[in-house]
Protein backbone atom coordinates (compact mmCIF):
# COMPACT_ATOMS: atom_id res chain seq x y z
CA MET A 1 0.27 0.11 0.26
CA LYS A 2 1.11 3.46 -0.94
CA VAL A 3 2.75 5.04 2.05
CA HIS A 4 0.77 8.69 1.66
CA ASP A 5 -2.85 6.96 1.47
CA ILE A 6 -1.47 5.37 4.72
CA ILE A 7 -0.57 8.74 6.07
CA ASP A 8 -4.20 9.83 4.26
CA PHE A 9 -6.36 7.59 5.92
CA ILE A 10 -4.55 8.17 9.81
CA GLU A 11 -5.46 12.09 9.09
CA LYS A 12 -9.11 11.01 8.78
CA THR A 13 -9.45 10.51 11.73
CA ALA A 14 -6.27 12.61 13.41
CA PRO A 15 -6.44 15.97 11.17
CA PRO A 16 -3.18 17.54 11.46
CA ALA A 17 -5.48 20.66 11.82
CA PHE A 18 -7.13 19.45 14.91
CA ALA A 19 -3.59 19.20 16.52
CA ALA A 20 -2.42 21.82 19.70
CA SER A 21 0.38 24.98 18.72
CA TRP A 22 2.44 23.07 20.70
CA ASP A 23 2.32 19.55 19.34
CA ASN A 24 4.56 17.18 17.02
CA SER A 25 1.89 15.19 15.56
CA GLY A 26 2.93 14.33 12.18
CA VAL A 27 6.06 12.40 10.13
CA GLN A 28 8.66 11.77 12.63
CA VAL A 29 11.03 10.26 10.59
CA ALA A 30 10.87 9.56 7.02
CA ALA A 31 12.01 6.67 4.72
CA LEU A 32 12.93 6.35 1.45
CA ARG A 33 10.40 3.19 0.80
CA GLU A 34 7.17 4.61 -1.28
CA GLU A 35 4.83 1.36 0.13
CA ALA A 36 4.49 -0.12 3.40
CA ARG A 37 3.27 -3.82 3.62
CA ARG A 38 2.62 -4.21 7.49
CA LEU A 39 1.45 -1.52 10.01
CA ALA A 40 2.24 -1.43 13.90
CA VAL A 41 0.29 0.62 16.62
CA LEU A 42 1.47 1.87 19.68
CA LEU A 43 1.52 4.21 22.30
CA ASP A 44 5.15 5.45 22.63
CA PRO A 45 7.82 5.11 20.07
CA SER A 46 10.52 3.99 22.69
CA LEU A 47 13.18 1.56 21.61
CA GLU A 48 11.80 -1.40 23.01
CA ALA A 49 8.52 -1.06 21.36
CA LEU A 50 10.38 -0.21 17.96
CA LEU A 51 12.49 -2.85 17.79
CA ARG A 52 9.63 -5.53 18.58
CA ALA A 53 7.42 -3.77 16.03
CA VAL A 54 10.35 -3.77 13.49
CA ASP A 55 10.93 -7.95 14.57
CA ALA A 56 7.74 -8.54 13.69
CA GLY A 57 8.17 -6.98 9.98
CA ALA A 58 6.43 -3.50 10.64
CA ASP A 59 7.52 -0.95 7.71
CA PHE A 60 5.00 1.89 9.07
CA ILE A 61 5.19 2.45 12.59
CA LEU A 62 1.88 4.82 14.14
CA SER A 63 2.34 5.64 17.63
CA HIS A 64 0.31 8.19 19.62
CA HIS A 65 3.18 10.26 21.66
CA PRO A 66 6.07 12.15 19.54
CA LEU A 67 10.00 10.74 19.72
CA LEU A 68 10.12 13.94 20.67
CA MET A 69 8.41 17.31 21.37
CA GLN A 70 10.99 19.55 20.30
CA PRO A 71 13.61 17.62 17.65
CA ARG A 72 16.79 18.01 18.09
CA TYR A 73 19.74 17.64 16.44
CA PRO A 74 21.23 14.13 17.57
CA ASN A 75 24.78 15.05 18.84
CA ARG A 76 24.95 12.37 21.96
CA ASN A 77 24.91 8.42 22.35
CA ASP A 78 21.23 8.13 23.43
CA GLU A 79 17.63 6.40 23.05
CA TYR A 80 16.95 9.28 20.46
CA LEU A 81 19.88 8.24 18.31
CA ALA A 82 19.81 4.65 18.48
CA VAL A 83 15.83 5.02 17.51
CA LEU A 84 16.81 7.25 14.36
CA SER A 85 19.32 4.90 13.53
CA LEU A 86 17.32 1.99 13.88
CA LEU A 87 14.63 3.26 12.00
CA LEU A 88 16.50 5.11 8.63
CA THR A 89 18.89 2.06 8.61
CA ARG A 90 16.05 -0.44 8.16
CA ASN A 91 14.24 2.40 5.84
CA ILE A 92 10.69 2.58 8.35
CA TRP A 93 7.83 5.51 8.39
CA LEU A 94 7.04 6.83 11.83
CA TYR A 95 4.37 9.15 12.20
CA SER A 96 2.54 10.12 15.43
CA ALA A 97 -1.50 10.95 15.69
CA HIS A 98 -1.21 12.64 18.99
CA THR A 99 -3.31 15.66 19.98
CA SER A 100 -4.87 15.78 15.91
CA LEU A 101 -5.83 11.75 17.59
CA ASP A 102 -6.95 13.74 21.52
CA ALA A 103 -8.77 16.42 19.08
CA ASN A 104 -11.16 14.52 17.35
CA PRO A 105 -14.65 13.48 19.01
CA GLU A 106 -15.66 11.51 16.56
CA GLY A 107 -12.48 8.81 17.23
CA PRO A 108 -11.59 6.37 19.88
CA VAL A 109 -9.90 9.21 22.31
CA ARG A 110 -13.77 8.29 23.87
CA TRP A 111 -13.36 4.84 24.11
CA LEU A 112 -13.66 5.59 27.78
CA ALA A 113 -17.39 7.32 27.16
CA HIS A 114 -19.42 4.42 25.38
CA ALA A 115 -17.48 1.78 28.26
CA LEU A 116 -19.21 3.60 30.95
CA GLY A 117 -22.23 3.88 28.78
CA LEU A 118 -22.40 7.97 29.08
CA ARG A 119 -25.03 9.76 27.14
CA LEU A 120 -25.40 13.12 26.27
CA VAL A 121 -22.17 13.25 25.41
CA GLU A 122 -20.08 17.12 24.84
CA LEU A 123 -16.93 18.17 24.94
CA LEU A 124 -15.37 19.61 27.33
CA GLU A 125 -13.01 22.38 25.74
CA PRO A 126 -14.35 22.74 22.14
CA ALA A 127 -11.53 24.14 19.95
CA GLU A 128 -10.91 27.10 18.86
CA ARG A 129 -8.92 27.26 15.66
CA GLN A 130 -8.74 29.22 11.85
CA GLY A 131 -9.98 27.51 8.98
CA THR A 132 -11.09 24.81 10.99
CA ASP A 133 -15.05 23.92 12.55
CA ALA A 134 -14.67 24.55 16.79
CA ALA A 135 -17.95 22.53 17.09
CA LEU A 136 -16.00 19.55 15.48
CA SER A 137 -12.52 18.85 17.65
CA GLY A 138 -11.94 19.96 21.22
CA PHE A 139 -10.34 18.21 24.25
CA GLY A 140 -12.20 15.72 26.82
CA PHE A 141 -15.88 15.44 27.23
CA PHE A 142 -18.25 14.74 29.73
CA GLY A 143 -21.78 12.58 30.32
CA CYS A 144 -24.13 10.84 31.77
CA LEU A 145 -24.04 7.82 33.87
CA SER A 146 -27.74 5.84 32.76
CA GLU A 147 -28.69 6.23 36.29
CA ILE A 148 -27.18 7.51 39.71
CA GLN A 149 -24.90 4.98 40.73
CA SER A 150 -23.08 5.08 44.45
CA TYR A 151 -19.75 6.02 44.15
CA SER A 152 -18.04 2.76 45.33
CA LEU A 153 -19.99 1.38 42.84
CA PHE A 154 -18.98 3.23 39.86
CA CYS A 155 -15.08 2.69 41.22
CA GLU A 156 -15.99 -0.94 40.82
CA ASN A 157 -17.34 0.16 37.56
CA LEU A 158 -14.24 1.56 36.43
CA SER A 159 -11.98 -0.58 37.78
CA ARG A 160 -13.62 -3.43 35.45
CA VAL A 161 -13.48 -1.25 32.21
CA LEU A 162 -9.89 0.11 33.11
CA GLY A 163 -8.75 -3.66 34.25
CA LYS A 164 -6.65 -2.02 37.09
CA SER A 165 -7.90 -1.91 41.08
CA GLY A 166 -5.75 1.07 42.07
CA TRP A 167 -5.19 4.32 40.79
CA GLN A 168 -4.52 8.07 43.23
CA SER A 169 -7.52 10.28 44.19
CA CYS A 170 -8.07 13.97 45.47
CA GLY A 171 -10.48 16.67 45.94
CA PRO A 172 -13.83 15.65 47.98
CA ARG A 173 -15.24 12.44 47.27
CA PRO A 174 -19.02 12.64 46.24
CA GLU A 175 -21.51 10.56 47.97
CA ARG A 176 -22.90 9.29 44.02
CA VAL A 177 -22.22 10.00 40.83
CA LEU A 178 -23.89 11.12 37.74
CA ARG A 179 -22.12 12.97 35.63
CA VAL A 180 -18.60 12.49 34.43
CA ALA A 181 -15.96 13.73 32.82
CA CYS A 182 -13.03 12.80 31.67
CA CYS A 183 -9.41 14.31 29.89
CA PRO A 184 -7.22 10.92 28.48
CA GLY A 185 -3.95 11.53 29.10
CA SER A 186 -3.20 14.67 31.15
CA GLY A 187 -6.04 17.17 32.04
CA HIS A 188 -5.22 19.50 34.72
CA SER A 189 -5.74 22.15 32.77
CA LEU A 190 -9.37 21.46 32.49
CA LEU A 191 -10.14 20.60 35.83
CA ALA A 192 -11.85 24.35 36.51
CA THR A 193 -13.45 23.65 33.53
CA ALA A 194 -14.66 19.86 34.93
CA ALA A 195 -15.60 21.70 37.98
CA SER A 196 -17.68 24.36 35.57
CA VAL A 197 -20.21 21.68 33.55
CA GLY A 198 -21.21 19.77 37.35
CA ALA A 199 -18.54 16.81 37.48
CA ASP A 200 -19.49 14.75 39.74
CA LEU A 201 -15.82 13.68 39.14
CA PHE A 202 -13.20 14.38 36.91
CA ILE A 203 -10.99 11.35 34.83
CA THR A 204 -7.43 11.92 33.84
CA GLY A 205 -3.82 10.92 34.26
CA ASP A 206 -0.60 12.91 35.79
CA ILE A 207 -2.14 14.88 38.77
CA LYS A 208 0.65 16.59 40.75
CA HIS A 209 0.77 18.06 43.93
CA HIS A 210 -0.49 21.75 42.57
CA ALA A 211 -3.13 20.62 40.57
CA ALA A 212 -4.55 18.50 43.44
CA LEU A 213 -4.61 21.26 45.48
CA GLU A 214 -6.68 23.37 42.85
CA ALA A 215 -8.84 20.38 42.61
CA ALA A 216 -9.55 20.48 46.55
CA SER A 217 -10.26 24.28 45.99
CA LEU A 218 -12.94 23.56 42.45
CA GLY A 219 -14.80 20.67 45.10
CA LEU A 220 -13.72 18.95 42.02
CA HIS A 221 -13.47 14.36 43.00
CA VAL A 222 -10.33 13.71 40.23
CA LEU A 223 -9.48 10.47 39.89
CA ASP A 224 -5.75 9.92 38.16
CA VAL A 225 -5.98 6.68 36.98
CA GLY A 226 -2.36 7.22 35.20
CA HIS A 227 -1.91 8.77 31.39
CA PHE A 228 -0.82 4.97 30.08
CA ALA A 229 -4.48 3.39 31.40
CA LEU A 230 -6.26 5.72 29.08
CA GLU A 231 -4.42 6.25 25.77
CA GLU A 232 -3.21 2.47 25.53
CA GLU A 233 -6.41 1.20 24.89
CA MET A 234 -7.21 4.47 22.79
CA MET A 235 -4.87 3.33 20.25
CA ARG A 236 -5.59 -0.61 20.69
CA ARG A 237 -8.72 0.52 18.59
CA PHE A 238 -7.43 3.10 16.55
CA ALA A 239 -5.61 0.07 15.16
CA GLU A 240 -8.41 -1.93 15.17
CA GLU A 241 -9.73 0.73 13.15
CA LEU A 242 -7.44 0.79 10.42
CA ARG A 243 -7.81 -3.27 10.67
CA GLN A 244 -11.21 -2.72 9.65
CA SER A 245 -10.46 -0.52 6.59
CA LEU A 246 -6.57 -1.04 5.22
CA PRO A 247 -5.46 -3.68 2.70
CA VAL A 248 -2.24 -4.65 4.99
CA PRO A 249 -1.52 -6.63 8.10
CA VAL A 250 -2.00 -3.99 10.93
CA THR A 251 -0.33 -5.38 13.69
CA PHE A 252 -1.00 -3.35 17.78
CA PHE A 253 1.81 -3.77 20.31
CA PRO A 254 0.97 -3.39 24.33
CA GLY A 255 3.13 -1.59 26.16
CA ARG A 256 5.04 -0.84 29.19
CA ASP A 257 3.30 1.38 31.81
CA PRO A 258 6.37 3.57 33.25
CA LEU A 259 4.74 3.53 36.21
CA GLU A 260 4.63 -0.28 37.09
CA ASN A 261 6.71 -3.00 36.93
CA GLU A 262 5.29 -5.88 34.66
CA SER A 263 6.03 -5.61 30.79
CA LEU A 264 3.51 -6.54 28.19
CA THR A 265 5.26 -8.78 25.39
CA GLU A 266 2.59 -9.99 23.57
CA HIS A 267 1.06 -8.54 21.08
CA PHE A 268 -1.87 -8.69 18.58
CA THR A 269 -1.92 -8.96 15.00
CA PHE A 270 -4.77 -8.17 12.84
CA GLU A 271 -4.18 -9.81 9.26
CA ALA A 272 -5.90 -7.51 6.18
CA ILE A 273 -9.13 -8.71 4.81
CA SER A 274 -8.91 -9.49 0.64
CA PRO A 275 -10.78 -6.54 -0.77
CA GLU A 276 -12.19 -9.78 -2.58
CA MET A 277 -13.65 -10.95 0.30
CA PRO A 278 -17.66 -9.58 1.48
CA SER A 279 -16.81 -7.31 4.65
């Protein structure tokens, strides 16, 4: 499949115009090849993850996080140099769909809303960008459960959906939960917005000391379930979407949560559906 066709399809779900101004979405490392035979999808373009993808035969790699937020010269012997050497010597493309994917409410970023059964889901922070429809892009979401749940029952359901039993929390704990807000990844900048829409709690990752103090002052309960837990599943679902649409095999490689000791070494391979076969 032509590389530019793969990029065009990725950008239907992760439009470059949706990316934040500070972001580095898009092509991270170009290659000389014009066609790709196998696509790998992963969260972080770490050397460990890329080696696994290359060993599996991938010649086009899609990551969520960029290789670097601010590109620099490869002027020291570190992992960045090792990644560049691997990709350039193997003639492999690396593309990042970062905030370009995060800001598309029609994409996989809202997987948790679907998993929790939220209704009346809306953007938490609509974007305002020239040349784009602000109503169609933005960060975070909020919605209502189908019925009021006790805090403990909600946490049990969330634990089941996330596949993890523990997380950090801050701010006053509600007795009951109906309206839920979420920003996958790091959403500390949306604390005040989540409070303003009447969220009973806010789910995100990477809440630090001063953000926790802000949450307490806002009267907002925050569940810091981890950056990894929210975005790893988003990329797995994006891989499945690509598998259903592209005429090349798509492989999703589970990553390693840097805040946990366990490493996932398995991967899930989706073989392409032949164009001649009925869908």
